């Protein structure tokens, strides 16, 4: 399977945004409620920018050290040895 690495720009409707982010339309609509920026036209159409989708998702970036820390803390709270998996 080949992946198109071309950077896209411009506006997209909900269906296209969901496809771009590889999530369901329902999940994408939830993101709109969670502060994914969008514009609502007088016709009722909701549009967002690819750039805004990227920015929204980058807000959830977790680096490996943070993930190891979260796992260790969770294991400790559960009575484990606190070591990373």
Protein backbone atom coordinates (compact mmCIF):
# COMPACT_ATOMS: atom_id res chain seq x y z
CA UNK A 1 0.00 0.00 0.00
CA UNK A 2 1.49 3.34 -0.97
CA UNK A 3 0.97 6.46 1.11
CA UNK A 4 0.65 9.85 -0.54
CA UNK A 5 3.05 12.11 1.35
CA UNK A 6 2.03 15.24 -0.53
CA UNK A 7 1.10 18.10 1.81
CA UNK A 8 -2.51 19.16 1.33
CA UNK A 9 -3.92 22.58 2.02
CA UNK A 10 -7.24 24.32 1.86
CA UNK A 11 -10.70 23.65 3.20
CA UNK A 12 -12.49 20.35 3.72
CA UNK A 13 -15.95 19.20 4.80
CA UNK A 14 -16.49 16.78 7.68
CA UNK A 15 -16.41 13.65 5.52
CA UNK A 16 -13.14 14.64 3.85
CA UNK A 17 -11.60 15.70 7.16
CA UNK A 18 -12.49 12.36 8.72
CA UNK A 19 -10.94 10.53 5.79
CA UNK A 20 -7.81 12.71 6.02
CA UNK A 21 -7.40 11.91 9.73
CA UNK A 22 -8.40 8.26 9.18
CA UNK A 23 -11.23 8.38 11.72
CA UNK A 24 -15.01 8.02 11.55
CA UNK A 25 -17.22 11.01 10.85
CA UNK A 26 -18.64 10.61 14.36
CA UNK A 27 -15.17 10.90 15.90
CA UNK A 28 -14.44 13.92 13.71
CA UNK A 29 -17.65 15.61 14.89
CA UNK A 30 -16.58 14.92 18.48
CA UNK A 31 -13.29 16.68 17.72
CA UNK A 32 -15.24 19.72 16.51
CA UNK A 33 -16.92 19.79 19.94
CA UNK A 34 -13.46 19.48 21.53
CA UNK A 35 -12.21 22.70 19.94
CA UNK A 36 -11.04 21.60 16.50
CA UNK A 37 -11.35 24.93 14.71
CA UNK A 38 -13.97 25.20 11.96
CA UNK A 39 -16.11 27.64 10.04
CA UNK A 40 -19.85 27.35 9.57
CA UNK A 41 -21.21 28.85 6.37
CA UNK A 42 -24.64 30.53 6.15
CA UNK A 43 -25.78 27.41 4.28
CA UNK A 44 -24.98 25.33 7.37
CA UNK A 45 -21.96 23.59 5.83
CA UNK A 46 -19.12 23.05 8.28
CA UNK A 47 -15.62 23.46 6.89
CA UNK A 48 -12.22 23.13 8.48
CA UNK A 49 -8.67 23.43 7.18
CA UNK A 50 -6.24 20.54 6.86
CA UNK A 51 -3.78 22.72 8.78
CA UNK A 52 -6.24 23.00 11.70
CA UNK A 53 -6.71 19.23 11.77
CA UNK A 54 -2.93 18.78 11.95
CA UNK A 55 -2.64 21.37 14.73
CA UNK A 56 -5.44 19.72 16.71
CA UNK A 57 -3.82 16.29 16.46
CA UNK A 58 -0.38 17.64 17.34
CA UNK A 59 -1.89 18.69 20.66
CA UNK A 60 -2.07 15.00 21.57
CA UNK A 61 1.56 14.20 20.78
CA UNK A 62 3.20 11.98 23.38
CA UNK A 63 6.90 11.35 23.27
CA UNK A 64 8.37 8.03 24.34
CA UNK A 65 9.68 9.31 27.67
CA UNK A 66 6.26 10.63 28.62
CA UNK A 67 4.67 7.31 27.66
CA UNK A 68 7.19 5.35 29.74
CA UNK A 69 6.48 7.65 32.70
CA UNK A 70 2.72 7.17 32.35
CA UNK A 71 3.11 3.38 32.18
CA UNK A 72 5.42 3.32 35.19
CA UNK A 73 3.07 5.49 37.26
CA UNK A 74 0.08 3.37 36.27
CA UNK A 75 1.88 0.16 37.15
CA UNK A 76 2.92 1.64 40.49
CA UNK A 77 -0.67 2.68 41.23
CA UNK A 78 -1.83 -0.85 40.36
CA UNK A 79 0.73 -2.38 42.71
CA UNK A 80 3.19 -3.37 39.98
CA UNK A 81 6.93 -2.88 40.06
CA UNK A 82 6.81 0.49 38.28
CA UNK A 83 9.08 -0.66 35.48
CA UNK A 84 8.23 0.07 31.86
CA UNK A 85 6.91 -2.77 29.74
